[in-house]
PDB file of N, CA and C in Angstrom:
ATOM      1  N   MET A   1     -51.078 -11.120 -36.591  1.00  0.00           N
ATOM      2  CA  MET A   1     -50.286  -9.998 -37.005  1.00  0.00           C
ATOM      3  C   MET A   1     -49.288  -9.605 -35.918  1.00  0.00           C
ATOM      4  N   PHE A   2     -49.767  -9.517 -34.691  1.00  0.00           N
ATOM      5  CA  PHE A   2     -48.863  -9.120 -33.621  1.00  0.00           C
ATOM      6  C   PHE A   2     -47.831 -10.205 -33.319  1.00  0.00           C
ATOM      7  N   ARG A   3     -48.228 -11.448 -33.548  1.00  0.00           N
ATOM      8  CA  ARG A   3     -47.285 -12.533 -33.316  1.00  0.00           C
ATOM      9  C   ARG A   3     -46.099 -12.437 -34.262  1.00  0.00           C
ATOM     10  N   SER A   4     -46.330 -12.108 -35.482  1.00  0.00           N
ATOM     11  CA  SER A   4     -45.229 -12.001 -36.438  1.00  0.00           C
ATOM     12  C   SER A   4     -44.318 -10.825 -36.095  1.00  0.00           C
ATOM     13  N   VAL A   5     -44.864  -9.745 -35.590  1.00  0.00           N
ATOM     14  CA  VAL A   5     -44.041  -8.596 -35.189  1.00  0.00           C
ATOM     15  C   VAL A   5     -43.184  -8.967 -33.985  1.00  0.00           C
ATOM     16  N   LEU A   6     -43.780  -9.667 -33.025  1.00  0.00           N
ATOM     17  CA  LEU A   6     -43.028 -10.072 -31.849  1.00  0.00           C
ATOM     18  C   LEU A   6     -41.935 -11.067 -32.196  1.00  0.00           C
ATOM     19  N   ARG A   7     -42.206 -11.956 -33.118  1.00  0.00           N
ATOM     20  CA  ARG A   7     -41.202 -12.938 -33.519  1.00  0.00           C
ATOM     21  C   ARG A   7     -40.021 -12.270 -34.204  1.00  0.00           C
ATOM     22  N   THR A   8     -40.253 -11.272 -34.992  1.00  0.00           N
ATOM     23  CA  THR A   8     -39.149 -10.625 -35.702  1.00  0.00           C
ATOM     24  C   THR A   8     -38.382  -9.660 -34.806  1.00  0.00           C
ATOM     25  N   ASN A   9     -39.048  -9.051 -33.840  1.00  0.00           N
ATOM     26  CA  ASN A   9     -38.377  -8.082 -32.977  1.00  0.00           C
ATOM     27  C   ASN A   9     -37.705  -8.722 -31.767  1.00  0.00           C
ATOM     28  N   ALA A  10     -38.108  -9.890 -31.381  1.00  0.00           N
ATOM     29  CA  ALA A  10     -37.528 -10.539 -30.206  1.00  0.00           C
ATOM     30  C   ALA A  10     -36.034 -10.804 -30.376  1.00  0.00           C
ATOM     31  N   PRO A  11     -35.568 -11.349 -31.498  1.00  0.00           N
ATOM     32  CA  PRO A  11     -34.123 -11.567 -31.627  1.00  0.00           C
ATOM     33  C   PRO A  11     -33.328 -10.263 -31.599  1.00  0.00           C
ATOM     34  N   MET A  12     -33.886  -9.167 -32.099  1.00  0.00           N
ATOM     35  CA  MET A  12     -33.176  -7.893 -32.084  1.00  0.00           C
ATOM     36  C   MET A  12     -33.034  -7.376 -30.655  1.00  0.00           C
ATOM     37  N   ALA A  13     -34.051  -7.580 -29.856  1.00  0.00           N
ATOM     38  CA  ALA A  13     -33.982  -7.144 -28.462  1.00  0.00           C
ATOM     39  C   ALA A  13     -32.915  -7.933 -27.708  1.00  0.00           C
ATOM     40  N   LEU A  14     -32.805  -9.212 -28.011  1.00  0.00           N
ATOM     41  CA  LEU A  14     -31.781 -10.025 -27.366  1.00  0.00           C
ATOM     42  C   LEU A  14     -30.388  -9.617 -27.817  1.00  0.00           C
ATOM     43  N   ARG A  15     -30.246  -9.242 -29.071  1.00  0.00           N
ATOM     44  CA  ARG A  15     -28.950  -8.812 -29.574  1.00  0.00           C
ATOM     45  C   ARG A  15     -28.502  -7.507 -28.922  1.00  0.00           C
ATOM     46  N   ARG A  16     -29.423  -6.633 -28.641  1.00  0.00           N
ATOM     47  CA  ARG A  16     -29.070  -5.365 -28.010  1.00  0.00           C
ATOM     48  C   ARG A  16     -28.642  -5.568 -26.556  1.00  0.00           C
ATOM     49  N   ALA A  17     -29.204  -6.514 -25.873  1.00  0.00           N
ATOM     50  CA  ALA A  17     -28.898  -6.715 -24.457  1.00  0.00           C
ATOM     51  C   ALA A  17     -27.549  -7.401 -24.255  1.00  0.00           C
ATOM     52  N   ALA A  18     -27.099  -8.176 -25.198  1.00  0.00           N
ATOM     53  CA  ALA A  18     -25.873  -8.938 -25.024  1.00  0.00           C
ATOM     54  C   ALA A  18     -24.636  -8.059 -24.831  1.00  0.00           C
ATOM     55  N   PRO A  19     -24.420  -7.007 -25.611  1.00  0.00           N
ATOM     56  CA  PRO A  19     -23.208  -6.216 -25.397  1.00  0.00           C
ATOM     57  C   PRO A  19     -23.148  -5.554 -24.020  1.00  0.00           C
ATOM     58  N   ILE A  20     -24.281  -5.234 -23.441  1.00  0.00           N
ATOM     59  CA  ILE A  20     -24.281  -4.626 -22.116  1.00  0.00           C
ATOM     60  C   ILE A  20     -23.721  -5.611 -21.098  1.00  0.00           C
ATOM     61  N   ALA A  21     -24.133  -6.866 -21.191  1.00  0.00           N
ATOM     62  CA  ALA A  21     -23.632  -7.883 -20.267  1.00  0.00           C
ATOM     63  C   ALA A  21     -22.138  -8.091 -20.458  1.00  0.00           C
ATOM     64  N   VAL A  22     -21.666  -8.037 -21.685  1.00  0.00           N
ATOM     65  CA  VAL A  22     -20.244  -8.204 -21.955  1.00  0.00           C
ATOM     66  C   VAL A  22     -19.462  -7.042 -21.363  1.00  0.00           C
ATOM     67  N   ARG A  23     -19.983  -5.836 -21.473  1.00  0.00           N
ATOM     68  CA  ARG A  23     -19.295  -4.675 -20.914  1.00  0.00           C
ATOM     69  C   ARG A  23     -19.195  -4.767 -19.392  1.00  0.00           C
ATOM     70  N   VAL A  24     -20.229  -5.231 -18.756  1.00  0.00           N
ATOM     71  CA  VAL A  24     -20.200  -5.361 -17.298  1.00  0.00           C
ATOM     72  C   VAL A  24     -19.132  -6.357 -16.893  1.00  0.00           C
ATOM     73  N   ASN A  25     -19.064  -7.485 -17.587  1.00  0.00           N
ATOM     74  CA  ASN A  25     -18.051  -8.485 -17.270  1.00  0.00           C
ATOM     75  C   ASN A  25     -16.658  -7.962 -17.565  1.00  0.00           C
ATOM     76  N   ALA A  26     -16.492  -7.215 -18.648  1.00  0.00           N
ATOM     77  CA  ALA A  26     -15.184  -6.675 -18.987  1.00  0.00           C
ATOM     78  C   ALA A  26     -14.737  -5.664 -17.944  1.00  0.00           C
ATOM     79  N   ALA A  27     -15.652  -4.855 -17.435  1.00  0.00           N
ATOM     80  CA  ALA A  27     -15.294  -3.870 -16.420  1.00  0.00           C
ATOM     81  C   ALA A  27     -14.882  -4.550 -15.118  1.00  0.00           C
ATOM     82  N   ARG A  28     -15.472  -5.661 -14.802  1.00  0.00           N
ATOM     83  CA  ARG A  28     -15.132  -6.369 -13.572  1.00  0.00           C
ATOM     84  C   ARG A  28     -13.694  -6.867 -13.622  1.00  0.00           C
ATOM     85  N   PHE A  29     -13.223  -7.297 -14.785  1.00  0.00           N
ATOM     86  CA  PHE A  29     -11.874  -7.814 -14.894  1.00  0.00           C
ATOM     87  C   PHE A  29     -10.829  -6.706 -14.900  1.00  0.00           C
ATOM     88  N   MET A  30     -11.244  -5.480 -15.095  1.00  0.00           N
ATOM     89  CA  MET A  30     -10.299  -4.377 -15.115  1.00  0.00           C
ATOM     90  C   MET A  30     -10.031  -3.828 -13.717  1.00  0.00           C
ATOM     91  N   MET A  31     -10.776  -4.282 -12.730  1.00  0.00           N
ATOM     92  CA  MET A  31     -10.578  -3.804 -11.366  1.00  0.00           C
ATOM     93  C   MET A  31      -9.241  -4.327 -10.848  1.00  0.00           C
ATOM     94  N   PRO A  32      -8.441  -3.469 -10.209  1.00  0.00           N
ATOM     95  CA  PRO A  32      -7.148  -3.937  -9.701  1.00  0.00           C
ATOM     96  C   PRO A  32      -7.335  -4.865  -8.509  1.00  0.00           C
ATOM     97  N   THR A  33      -6.560  -5.918  -8.506  1.00  0.00           N
ATOM     98  CA  THR A  33      -6.594  -6.859  -7.395  1.00  0.00           C
ATOM     99  C   THR A  33      -5.175  -7.069  -6.899  1.00  0.00           C
ATOM    100  N   ARG A  34      -5.053  -7.428  -5.652  1.00  0.00           N
ATOM    101  CA  ARG A  34      -3.745  -7.694  -5.077  1.00  0.00           C
ATOM    102  C   ARG A  34      -3.633  -9.189  -4.833  1.00  0.00           C
ATOM    103  N   ASN A  35      -2.678  -9.818  -5.493  1.00  0.00           N
ATOM    104  CA  ASN A  35      -2.443 -11.248  -5.332  1.00  0.00           C
ATOM    105  C   ASN A  35      -1.297 -11.429  -4.348  1.00  0.00           C
ATOM    106  N   TYR A  36      -1.617 -11.838  -3.139  1.00  0.00           N
ATOM    107  CA  TYR A  36      -0.604 -11.938  -2.101  1.00  0.00           C
ATOM    108  C   TYR A  36       0.414 -13.034  -2.389  1.00  0.00           C
ATOM    109  N   SER A  37       0.014 -14.074  -3.043  1.00  0.00           N
ATOM    110  CA  SER A  37       0.954 -15.156  -3.306  1.00  0.00           C
ATOM    111  C   SER A  37       1.936 -14.805  -4.407  1.00  0.00           C
ATOM    112  N   ALA A  38       1.622 -13.825  -5.231  1.00  0.00           N
ATOM    113  CA  ALA A  38       2.481 -13.480  -6.349  1.00  0.00           C
ATOM    114  C   ALA A  38       3.617 -12.548  -5.947  1.00  0.00           C
ATOM    115  N   ALA A  39       3.481 -11.813  -4.858  1.00  0.00           N
ATOM    116  CA  ALA A  39       4.489 -10.832  -4.470  1.00  0.00           C
ATOM    117  C   ALA A  39       5.622 -11.495  -3.696  1.00  0.00           C
ATOM    118  N   ASN A  40       6.827 -10.974  -3.901  1.00  0.00           N
ATOM    119  CA  ASN A  40       7.966 -11.453  -3.137  1.00  0.00           C
ATOM    120  C   ASN A  40       7.950 -10.802  -1.762  1.00  0.00           C
ATOM    121  N   LYS A  41       8.314 -11.576  -0.755  1.00  0.00           N
ATOM    122  CA  LYS A  41       8.361 -11.033   0.601  1.00  0.00           C
ATOM    123  C   LYS A  41       9.583 -10.137   0.721  1.00  0.00           C
ATOM    124  N   LEU A  42       9.391  -8.994   1.357  1.00  0.00           N
ATOM    125  CA  LEU A  42      10.499  -8.073   1.555  1.00  0.00           C
ATOM    126  C   LEU A  42      11.446  -8.621   2.619  1.00  0.00           C
ATOM    127  N   THR A  43      12.735  -8.522   2.356  1.00  0.00           N
ATOM    128  CA  THR A  43      13.722  -8.950   3.341  1.00  0.00           C
ATOM    129  C   THR A  43      14.014  -7.795   4.291  1.00  0.00           C
ATOM    130  N   ASN A  44      14.569  -8.135   5.448  1.00  0.00           N
ATOM    131  CA  ASN A  44      14.914  -7.095   6.419  1.00  0.00           C
ATOM    132  C   ASN A  44      15.940  -6.117   5.854  1.00  0.00           C
ATOM    133  N   ASP A  45      16.899  -6.630   5.073  1.00  0.00           N
ATOM    134  CA  ASP A  45      17.920  -5.748   4.499  1.00  0.00           C
ATOM    135  C   ASP A  45      17.317  -4.760   3.505  1.00  0.00           C
ATOM    136  N   ALA A  46      16.404  -5.243   2.665  1.00  0.00           N
ATOM    137  CA  ALA A  46      15.766  -4.354   1.690  1.00  0.00           C
ATOM    138  C   ALA A  46      14.906  -3.308   2.387  1.00  0.00           C
ATOM    139  N   VAL A  47      14.185  -3.737   3.415  1.00  0.00           N
ATOM    140  CA  VAL A  47      13.348  -2.795   4.168  1.00  0.00           C
ATOM    141  C   VAL A  47      14.220  -1.770   4.877  1.00  0.00           C
ATOM    142  N   GLN A  48      15.309  -2.229   5.495  1.00  0.00           N
ATOM    143  CA  GLN A  48      16.180  -1.310   6.227  1.00  0.00           C
ATOM    144  C   GLN A  48      16.810  -0.287   5.283  1.00  0.00           C
ATOM    145  N   THR A  49      17.216  -0.705   4.106  1.00  0.00           N
ATOM    146  CA  THR A  49      17.792   0.225   3.139  1.00  0.00           C
ATOM    147  C   THR A  49      16.788   1.301   2.754  1.00  0.00           C
ATOM    148  N   ARG A  50      15.555   0.903   2.508  1.00  0.00           N
ATOM    149  CA  ARG A  50      14.529   1.876   2.118  1.00  0.00           C
ATOM    150  C   ARG A  50      14.139   2.785   3.274  1.00  0.00           C
ATOM    151  N   VAL A  51      14.069   2.237   4.492  1.00  0.00           N
ATOM    152  CA  VAL A  51      13.748   3.066   5.662  1.00  0.00           C
ATOM    153  C   VAL A  51      14.860   4.083   5.896  1.00  0.00           C
ATOM    154  N   LEU A  52      16.111   3.661   5.769  1.00  0.00           N
ATOM    155  CA  LEU A  52      17.227   4.592   5.946  1.00  0.00           C
ATOM    156  C   LEU A  52      17.215   5.693   4.893  1.00  0.00           C
ATOM    157  N   SER A  53      16.818   5.358   3.675  1.00  0.00           N
ATOM    158  CA  SER A  53      16.744   6.402   2.638  1.00  0.00           C
ATOM    159  C   SER A  53      15.635   7.405   2.943  1.00  0.00           C
ATOM    160  N   VAL A  54      14.530   6.932   3.526  1.00  0.00           N
ATOM    161  CA  VAL A  54      13.453   7.854   3.923  1.00  0.00           C
ATOM    162  C   VAL A  54      13.935   8.754   5.053  1.00  0.00           C
ATOM    163  N   ILE A  55      14.669   8.186   6.011  1.00  0.00           N
ATOM    164  CA  ILE A  55      15.182   8.981   7.133  1.00  0.00           C
ATOM    165  C   ILE A  55      16.181  10.020   6.634  1.00  0.00           C
ATOM    166  N   GLN A  56      17.031   9.644   5.693  1.00  0.00           N
ATOM    167  CA  GLN A  56      18.004  10.593   5.152  1.00  0.00           C
ATOM    168  C   GLN A  56      17.323  11.715   4.385  1.00  0.00           C
ATOM    169  N   ALA A  57      16.205  11.406   3.736  1.00  0.00           N
ATOM    170  CA  ALA A  57      15.476  12.440   2.999  1.00  0.00           C
ATOM    171  C   ALA A  57      14.648  13.323   3.930  1.00  0.00           C
ATOM    172  N   PHE A  58      14.394  12.858   5.152  1.00  0.00           N
ATOM    173  CA  PHE A  58      13.602  13.617   6.123  1.00  0.00           C
ATOM    174  C   PHE A  58      14.484  14.724   6.684  1.00  0.00           C
ATOM    175  N   ASN A  59      14.037  15.965   6.593  1.00  0.00           N
ATOM    176  CA  ASN A  59      14.912  17.103   6.894  1.00  0.00           C
ATOM    177  C   ASN A  59      14.904  17.547   8.351  1.00  0.00           C
ATOM    178  N   LYS A  60      14.256  16.830   9.243  1.00  0.00           N
ATOM    179  CA  LYS A  60      14.167  17.272  10.636  1.00  0.00           C
ATOM    180  C   LYS A  60      15.007  16.428  11.587  1.00  0.00           C
ATOM    181  N   THR A  61      15.912  15.625  11.065  1.00  0.00           N
ATOM    182  CA  THR A  61      16.730  14.765  11.917  1.00  0.00           C
ATOM    183  C   THR A  61      18.040  15.461  12.262  1.00  0.00           C
ATOM    184  N   ASN A  62      18.620  15.099  13.427  1.00  0.00           N
ATOM    185  CA  ASN A  62      19.888  15.693  13.858  1.00  0.00           C
ATOM    186  C   ASN A  62      21.054  15.184  13.029  1.00  0.00           C
ATOM    187  N   SER A  63      21.293  13.888  13.085  1.00  0.00           N
ATOM    188  CA  SER A  63      22.416  13.307  12.348  1.00  0.00           C
ATOM    189  C   SER A  63      21.933  12.049  11.650  1.00  0.00           C
ATOM    190  N   VAL A  64      22.111  12.005  10.364  1.00  0.00           N
ATOM    191  CA  VAL A  64      21.668  10.831   9.611  1.00  0.00           C
ATOM    192  C   VAL A  64      22.834   9.933   9.223  1.00  0.00           C
ATOM    193  N   ALA A  65      24.051  10.325   9.537  1.00  0.00           N
ATOM    194  CA  ALA A  65      25.210   9.534   9.144  1.00  0.00           C
ATOM    195  C   ALA A  65      25.330   8.255   9.972  1.00  0.00           C
ATOM    196  N   ASP A  66      24.931   8.308  11.233  1.00  0.00           N
ATOM    197  CA  ASP A  66      25.123   7.173  12.132  1.00  0.00           C
ATOM    198  C   ASP A  66      23.835   6.417  12.416  1.00  0.00           C
ATOM    199  N   VAL A  67      22.950   6.330  11.470  1.00  0.00           N
ATOM    200  CA  VAL A  67      21.667   5.659  11.679  1.00  0.00           C
ATOM    201  C   VAL A  67      21.856   4.152  11.535  1.00  0.00           C
ATOM    202  N   SER A  68      21.373   3.408  12.541  1.00  0.00           N
ATOM    203  CA  SER A  68      21.428   1.946  12.501  1.00  0.00           C
ATOM    204  C   SER A  68      20.098   1.409  13.012  1.00  0.00           C
ATOM    205  N   ALA A  69      20.024   0.101  13.192  1.00  0.00           N
ATOM    206  CA  ALA A  69      18.777  -0.515  13.656  1.00  0.00           C
ATOM    207  C   ALA A  69      18.447  -0.111  15.089  1.00  0.00           C
ATOM    208  N   LYS A  70      19.460   0.216  15.887  1.00  0.00           N
ATOM    209  CA  LYS A  70      19.232   0.585  17.283  1.00  0.00           C
ATOM    210  C   LYS A  70      18.970   2.077  17.468  1.00  0.00           C
ATOM    211  N   THR A  71      18.970   2.828  16.397  1.00  0.00           N
ATOM    212  CA  THR A  71      18.773   4.271  16.487  1.00  0.00           C
ATOM    213  C   THR A  71      17.358   4.586  16.947  1.00  0.00           C
ATOM    214  N   SER A  72      17.261   5.396  17.996  1.00  0.00           N
ATOM    215  CA  SER A  72      15.968   5.811  18.534  1.00  0.00           C
ATOM    216  C   SER A  72      15.512   7.081  17.821  1.00  0.00           C
ATOM    217  N   PHE A  73      14.227   7.140  17.521  1.00  0.00           N
ATOM    218  CA  PHE A  73      13.698   8.328  16.851  1.00  0.00           C
ATOM    219  C   PHE A  73      13.817   9.563  17.750  1.00  0.00           C
ATOM    220  N   HIS A  74      13.552   9.385  19.032  1.00  0.00           N
ATOM    221  CA  HIS A  74      13.522  10.529  19.944  1.00  0.00           C
ATOM    222  C   HIS A  74      14.922  10.903  20.433  1.00  0.00           C
ATOM    223  N   GLN A  75      15.652   9.931  20.971  1.00  0.00           N
ATOM    224  CA  GLN A  75      16.941  10.239  21.595  1.00  0.00           C
ATOM    225  C   GLN A  75      18.045  10.505  20.580  1.00  0.00           C
ATOM    226  N   ASP A  76      18.173   9.643  19.583  1.00  0.00           N
ATOM    227  CA  ASP A  76      19.299   9.755  18.656  1.00  0.00           C
ATOM    228  C   ASP A  76      19.039  10.723  17.503  1.00  0.00           C
ATOM    229  N   LEU A  77      17.829  10.711  16.969  1.00  0.00           N
ATOM    230  CA  LEU A  77      17.518  11.587  15.836  1.00  0.00           C
ATOM    231  C   LEU A  77      16.956  12.934  16.273  1.00  0.00           C
ATOM    232  N   GLY A  78      16.590  13.059  17.537  1.00  0.00           N
ATOM    233  CA  GLY A  78      16.094  14.326  18.055  1.00  0.00           C
ATOM    234  C   GLY A  78      14.709  14.700  17.568  1.00  0.00           C
ATOM    235  N   LEU A  79      13.884  13.706  17.285  1.00  0.00           N
ATOM    236  CA  LEU A  79      12.532  13.976  16.790  1.00  0.00           C
ATOM    237  C   LEU A  79      11.554  14.042  17.954  1.00  0.00           C
ATOM    238  N   ASP A  80      10.653  15.016  17.912  1.00  0.00           N
ATOM    239  CA  ASP A  80       9.580  15.028  18.903  1.00  0.00           C
ATOM    240  C   ASP A  80       8.442  14.146  18.388  1.00  0.00           C
ATOM    241  N   SER A  81       7.342  14.088  19.120  1.00  0.00           N
ATOM    242  CA  SER A  81       6.262  13.163  18.752  1.00  0.00           C
ATOM    243  C   SER A  81       5.644  13.509  17.397  1.00  0.00           C
ATOM    244  N   LEU A  82       5.488  14.783  17.100  1.00  0.00           N
ATOM    245  CA  LEU A  82       4.911  15.178  15.814  1.00  0.00           C
ATOM    246  C   LEU A  82       5.852  14.844  14.660  1.00  0.00           C
ATOM    247  N   ASP A  83       7.150  15.084  14.861  1.00  0.00           N
ATOM    248  CA  ASP A  83       8.126  14.737  13.827  1.00  0.00           C
ATOM    249  C   ASP A  83       8.173  13.231  13.598  1.00  0.00           C
ATOM    250  N   THR A  84       8.031  12.456  14.666  1.00  0.00           N
ATOM    251  CA  THR A  84       8.017  11.000  14.531  1.00  0.00           C
ATOM    252  C   THR A  84       6.811  10.546  13.722  1.00  0.00           C
ATOM    253  N   VAL A  85       5.666  11.163  13.965  1.00  0.00           N
ATOM    254  CA  VAL A  85       4.464  10.830  13.192  1.00  0.00           C
ATOM    255  C   VAL A  85       4.677  11.178  11.723  1.00  0.00           C
ATOM    256  N   GLU A  86       5.271  12.330  11.445  1.00  0.00           N
ATOM    257  CA  GLU A  86       5.539  12.722  10.055  1.00  0.00           C
ATOM    258  C   GLU A  86       6.499  11.743   9.386  1.00  0.00           C
ATOM    259  N   LEU A  87       7.511  11.299  10.121  1.00  0.00           N
ATOM    260  CA  LEU A  87       8.452  10.324   9.570  1.00  0.00           C
ATOM    261  C   LEU A  87       7.757   9.001   9.288  1.00  0.00           C
ATOM    262  N   LEU A  88       6.909   8.545  10.209  1.00  0.00           N
ATOM    263  CA  LEU A  88       6.194   7.287   9.989  1.00  0.00           C
ATOM    264  C   LEU A  88       5.215   7.395   8.821  1.00  0.00           C
ATOM    265  N   VAL A  89       4.626   8.557   8.614  1.00  0.00           N
ATOM    266  CA  VAL A  89       3.753   8.753   7.450  1.00  0.00           C
ATOM    267  C   VAL A  89       4.571   8.665   6.167  1.00  0.00           C
ATOM    268  N   ALA A  90       5.771   9.231   6.167  1.00  0.00           N
ATOM    269  CA  ALA A  90       6.638   9.126   4.988  1.00  0.00           C
ATOM    270  C   ALA A  90       7.028   7.672   4.728  1.00  0.00           C
ATOM    271  N   ILE A  91       7.262   6.912   5.798  1.00  0.00           N
ATOM    272  CA  ILE A  91       7.586   5.488   5.649  1.00  0.00           C
ATOM    273  C   ILE A  91       6.371   4.720   5.137  1.00  0.00           C
ATOM    274  N   GLU A  92       5.183   5.057   5.630  1.00  0.00           N
ATOM    275  CA  GLU A  92       3.954   4.428   5.130  1.00  0.00           C
ATOM    276  C   GLU A  92       3.799   4.665   3.631  1.00  0.00           C
ATOM    277  N   GLU A  93       4.069   5.868   3.180  1.00  0.00           N
ATOM    278  CA  GLU A  93       3.947   6.178   1.754  1.00  0.00           C
ATOM    279  C   GLU A  93       4.984   5.428   0.938  1.00  0.00           C
ATOM    280  N   GLU A  94       6.174   5.248   1.485  1.00  0.00           N
ATOM    281  CA  GLU A  94       7.229   4.520   0.782  1.00  0.00           C
ATOM    282  C   GLU A  94       6.833   3.064   0.542  1.00  0.00           C
ATOM    283  N   PHE A  95       6.215   2.436   1.531  1.00  0.00           N
ATOM    284  CA  PHE A  95       5.871   1.018   1.438  1.00  0.00           C
ATOM    285  C   PHE A  95       4.403   0.777   1.094  1.00  0.00           C
ATOM    286  N   GLU A  96       3.641   1.844   0.896  1.00  0.00           N
ATOM    287  CA  GLU A  96       2.224   1.770   0.528  1.00  0.00           C
ATOM    288  C   GLU A  96       1.419   0.926   1.515  1.00  0.00           C
ATOM    289  N   ILE A  97       1.624   1.200   2.796  1.00  0.00           N
ATOM    290  CA  ILE A  97       0.882   0.522   3.857  1.00  0.00           C
ATOM    291  C   ILE A  97       0.320   1.572   4.806  1.00  0.00           C
ATOM    292  N   GLU A  98      -0.506   1.123   5.729  1.00  0.00           N
ATOM    293  CA  GLU A  98      -0.991   1.995   6.791  1.00  0.00           C
ATOM    294  C   GLU A  98      -0.640   1.350   8.126  1.00  0.00           C
ATOM    295  N   ILE A  99       0.131   2.073   8.915  1.00  0.00           N
ATOM    296  CA  ILE A  99       0.508   1.590  10.238  1.00  0.00           C
ATOM    297  C   ILE A  99      -0.555   2.072  11.215  1.00  0.00           C
ATOM    298  N   PRO A 100      -1.224   1.162  11.923  1.00  0.00           N
ATOM    299  CA  PRO A 100      -2.249   1.589  12.886  1.00  0.00           C
ATOM    300  C   PRO A 100      -1.648   2.480  13.974  1.00  0.00           C
ATOM    301  N   ASP A 101      -2.447   3.389  14.497  1.00  0.00           N
ATOM    302  CA  ASP A 101      -1.968   4.334  15.508  1.00  0.00           C
ATOM    303  C   ASP A 101      -1.409   3.628  16.736  1.00  0.00           C
ATOM    304  N   LYS A 102      -2.048   2.560  17.137  1.00  0.00           N
ATOM    305  CA  LYS A 102      -1.596   1.814  18.317  1.00  0.00           C
ATOM    306  C   LYS A 102      -0.199   1.235  18.093  1.00  0.00           C
ATOM    307  N   VAL A 103       0.052   0.725  16.901  1.00  0.00           N
ATOM    308  CA  VAL A 103       1.366   0.169  16.575  1.00  0.00           C
ATOM    309  C   VAL A 103       2.381   1.295  16.412  1.00  0.00           C
ATOM    310  N   ALA A 104       1.971   2.397  15.790  1.00  0.00           N
ATOM    311  CA  ALA A 104       2.879   3.521  15.564  1.00  0.00           C
ATOM    312  C   ALA A 104       3.381   4.100  16.885  1.00  0.00           C
ATOM    313  N   ASP A 105       2.543   4.087  17.909  1.00  0.00           N
ATOM    314  CA  ASP A 105       2.965   4.579  19.224  1.00  0.00           C
ATOM    315  C   ASP A 105       4.035   3.695  19.848  1.00  0.00           C
ATOM    316  N   GLU A 106       4.061   2.426  19.479  1.00  0.00           N
ATOM    317  CA  GLU A 106       5.032   1.485  20.042  1.00  0.00           C
ATOM    318  C   GLU A 106       6.349   1.459  19.271  1.00  0.00           C
ATOM    319  N   LEU A 107       6.390   1.983  18.059  1.00  0.00           N
ATOM    320  CA  LEU A 107       7.611   1.980  17.256  1.00  0.00           C
ATOM    321  C   LEU A 107       8.515   3.115  17.724  1.00  0.00           C
ATOM    322  N   LYS A 108       9.608   2.756  18.401  1.00  0.00           N
ATOM    323  CA  LYS A 108      10.517   3.758  18.973  1.00  0.00           C
ATOM    324  C   LYS A 108      11.873   3.793  18.282  1.00  0.00           C
ATOM    325  N   THR A 109      12.244   2.700  17.594  1.00  0.00           N
ATOM    326  CA  THR A 109      13.558   2.644  16.953  1.00  0.00           C
ATOM    327  C   THR A 109      13.413   2.268  15.484  1.00  0.00           C
ATOM    328  N   VAL A 110      14.510   2.434  14.769  1.00  0.00           N
ATOM    329  CA  VAL A 110      14.530   2.060  13.354  1.00  0.00           C
ATOM    330  C   VAL A 110      14.350   0.554  13.210  1.00  0.00           C
ATOM    331  N   GLY A 111      14.981  -0.226  14.075  1.00  0.00           N
ATOM    332  CA  GLY A 111      14.885  -1.684  14.007  1.00  0.00           C
ATOM    333  C   GLY A 111      13.474  -2.195  14.214  1.00  0.00           C
ATOM    334  N   GLU A 112      12.752  -1.613  15.173  1.00  0.00           N
ATOM    335  CA  GLU A 112      11.363  -2.015  15.399  1.00  0.00           C
ATOM    336  C   GLU A 112      10.504  -1.707  14.179  1.00  0.00           C
ATOM    337  N   THR A 113      10.765  -0.577  13.560  1.00  0.00           N
ATOM    338  CA  THR A 113      10.012  -0.195  12.365  1.00  0.00           C
ATOM    339  C   THR A 113      10.307  -1.150  11.214  1.00  0.00           C
ATOM    340  N   VAL A 114      11.567  -1.499  11.042  1.00  0.00           N
ATOM    341  CA  VAL A 114      11.961  -2.427   9.976  1.00  0.00           C
ATOM    342  C   VAL A 114      11.314  -3.790  10.196  1.00  0.00           C
ATOM    343  N   GLU A 115      11.319  -4.280  11.430  1.00  0.00           N
ATOM    344  CA  GLU A 115      10.709  -5.584  11.726  1.00  0.00           C
ATOM    345  C   GLU A 115       9.210  -5.576  11.449  1.00  0.00           C
ATOM    346  N   TYR A 116       8.538  -4.482  11.818  1.00  0.00           N
ATOM    347  CA  TYR A 116       7.096  -4.412  11.580  1.00  0.00           C
ATOM    348  C   TYR A 116       6.799  -4.416  10.082  1.00  0.00           C
ATOM    349  N   ILE A 117       7.537  -3.638   9.319  1.00  0.00           N
ATOM    350  CA  ILE A 117       7.271  -3.556   7.877  1.00  0.00           C
ATOM    351  C   ILE A 117       7.600  -4.881   7.197  1.00  0.00           C
ATOM    352  N   ALA A 118       8.701  -5.518   7.596  1.00  0.00           N
ATOM    353  CA  ALA A 118       9.081  -6.797   6.985  1.00  0.00           C
ATOM    354  C   ALA A 118       8.054  -7.884   7.283  1.00  0.00           C
ATOM    355  N   SER A 119       7.377  -7.793   8.424  1.00  0.00           N
ATOM    356  CA  SER A 119       6.377  -8.806   8.768  1.00  0.00           C
ATOM    357  C   SER A 119       4.996  -8.487   8.200  1.00  0.00           C
ATOM    358  N   ASN A 120       4.826  -7.306   7.630  1.00  0.00           N
ATOM    359  CA  ASN A 120       3.531  -6.895   7.087  1.00  0.00           C
ATOM    360  C   ASN A 120       3.384  -7.434   5.659  1.00  0.00           C
ATOM    361  N   PRO A 121       2.393  -8.284   5.387  1.00  0.00           N
ATOM    362  CA  PRO A 121       2.259  -8.862   4.044  1.00  0.00           C
ATOM    363  C   PRO A 121       1.810  -7.855   2.988  1.00  0.00           C
ATOM    364  N   GLU A 122       1.288  -6.706   3.387  1.00  0.00           N
ATOM    365  CA  GLU A 122       0.821  -5.715   2.418  1.00  0.00           C
ATOM    366  C   GLU A 122       1.913  -4.754   1.974  1.00  0.00           C
ATOM    367  N   ALA A 123       3.075  -4.796   2.604  1.00  0.00           N
ATOM    368  CA  ALA A 123       4.159  -3.875   2.263  1.00  0.00           C
ATOM    369  C   ALA A 123       4.699  -4.193   0.877  1.00  0.00           C
ATOM    370  N   LEU A 124       4.893  -3.144   0.104  1.00  0.00           N
ATOM    371  CA  LEU A 124       5.411  -3.310  -1.259  1.00  0.00           C
ATOM    372  C   LEU A 124       6.844  -2.860  -1.339  1.00  0.00           C
TER     373      LEU A 124
END
């Protein structure tokens, strides 16, 4: 008697478990992934244009009309260390990257910043 009950209920138990496994697999494929080979590498000109637009939108600079690759954040733009950090955070948000603190301390000009971002494979 119990054997016949187990035989009839066993396929139903297997049918109930299958959709759960399918849902787990479906959820795994919905996770966002970054394919490094699929993205185009940013050129220096494209990076420089976007960095200059961030600098122009930044309201704490002295003169934004004469900004070039040799422009210094401190001497030419008149930014102190806190303003420079705020500007670099705005640039990080523009390119969706994180610049390590050690590297950020070494970035003194617009050109150095452009070179670092152009060489970063995670920059969008």
